[in-house]
Amino acid sequence: MSDGLIAEKVKDLLESLCGDDSSRIQQDIEKLGDAEVDSIYFVEIAPVVAQHFGIMITVNHIDQHAKRSFNDFCRLIGNLVSERR
């Protein structure tokens, strides 16, 4: 699974389910190298992410590995997808 595909899916879900602006996320990544996202948004999209990618993602995973970092959340998903194989 490509990192770019994961990032695009996460941005789409954050915008459609949480109202976070995907263009803001992209601009922050371009300017700062990462984007800060309210961690509750990661918790809110976790069930959809899990279903879409065929993984199990818990609040504990998010707390330990992502906190508020968009890049870390996407990396977590990529790692869980790789472990599943």
Protein backbone atom coordinates (compact mmCIF):
# COMPACT_ATOMS: atom_id res chain seq x y z
CA MET A 1 0.00 0.00 0.00
CA SER A 2 1.44 3.32 -1.07
CA ASP A 3 2.02 6.02 1.54
CA GLY A 4 0.42 8.50 -0.84
CA LEU A 5 -2.77 6.44 -1.10
CA ILE A 6 -3.00 6.16 2.68
CA ALA A 7 -2.47 9.91 3.12
CA GLU A 8 -5.11 10.77 0.50
CA LYS A 9 -7.66 8.43 2.09
CA VAL A 10 -6.98 9.85 5.57
CA LYS A 11 -7.29 13.45 4.30
CA ASP A 12 -10.57 12.58 2.57
CA LEU A 13 -11.96 10.96 5.73
CA LEU A 14 -10.87 13.82 7.96
CA GLU A 15 -12.66 16.25 5.68
CA SER A 16 -15.84 14.23 5.06
CA LEU A 17 -16.35 12.84 8.57
CA CYS A 18 -14.75 15.49 10.80
CA GLY A 19 -14.93 18.68 8.79
CA ASP A 20 -11.16 19.20 8.83
CA ASP A 21 -9.99 20.96 5.67
CA SER A 22 -7.85 18.66 3.50
CA SER A 23 -6.27 21.66 1.78
CA ARG A 24 -5.15 22.99 5.19
CA ILE A 25 -3.59 19.63 5.96
CA GLN A 26 -1.80 19.60 2.61
CA GLN A 27 -0.55 23.17 3.04
CA ASP A 28 0.79 22.40 6.52
CA ILE A 29 2.59 19.33 5.20
CA GLU A 30 4.13 21.36 2.38
CA LYS A 31 5.19 24.21 4.70
CA LEU A 32 6.02 22.37 7.92
CA GLY A 33 6.58 18.76 6.87
CA ASP A 34 3.59 17.56 8.92
CA ALA A 35 0.12 18.65 9.96
CA GLU A 36 -1.35 18.80 13.44
CA VAL A 37 -4.77 17.17 13.68
CA ASP A 38 -6.98 16.95 16.75
CA SER A 39 -6.47 13.39 17.99
CA ILE A 40 -10.20 12.93 18.52
CA TYR A 41 -10.53 13.12 14.73
CA PHE A 42 -8.19 10.14 14.39
CA VAL A 43 -10.35 8.26 16.89
CA GLU A 44 -13.48 9.20 14.94
CA ILE A 45 -12.15 7.94 11.60
CA ALA A 46 -10.42 4.83 13.03
CA PRO A 47 -13.35 2.43 12.40
CA VAL A 48 -13.65 3.52 8.76
CA VAL A 49 -9.86 3.36 8.29
CA ALA A 50 -9.81 -0.12 9.83
CA GLN A 51 -12.56 -1.36 7.54
CA HIS A 52 -11.08 0.24 4.43
CA PHE A 53 -7.56 -1.12 4.97
CA GLY A 54 -8.54 -4.40 6.64
CA ILE A 55 -6.70 -3.66 9.87
CA MET A 56 -7.43 -3.36 13.57
CA ILE A 57 -6.65 0.09 14.96
CA THR A 58 -7.27 1.01 18.57
CA VAL A 59 -7.31 4.21 20.59
CA ASN A 60 -4.19 2.87 22.30
CA HIS A 61 -2.45 2.60 18.90
CA ILE A 62 -3.35 6.21 18.16
CA ASP A 63 -2.23 7.42 21.59
CA GLN A 64 1.08 5.58 21.46
CA HIS A 65 2.04 6.16 17.84
CA ALA A 66 0.28 9.20 16.40
CA LYS A 67 -1.01 11.66 19.01
CA ARG A 68 -1.75 14.73 16.82
CA SER A 69 0.60 14.08 13.89
CA PHE A 70 -0.95 13.43 10.47
CA ASN A 71 2.25 11.78 9.20
CA ASP A 72 2.54 9.54 12.25
CA PHE A 73 -1.10 8.45 11.90
CA CYS A 74 -0.54 7.56 8.24
CA ARG A 75 2.68 5.74 9.15
CA LEU A 76 0.78 3.79 11.83
CA ILE A 77 -1.77 2.69 9.24
CA GLY A 78 1.01 1.66 6.84
CA ASN A 79 2.71 -0.36 9.58
CA LEU A 80 -0.54 -2.11 10.53
CA VAL A 81 -1.23 -2.93 6.88
CA SER A 82 2.30 -4.36 6.51
CA GLU A 83 1.93 -6.45 9.69
CA ARG A 84 -1.31 -7.90 8.36
CA ARG A 85 0.49 -9.40 5.36
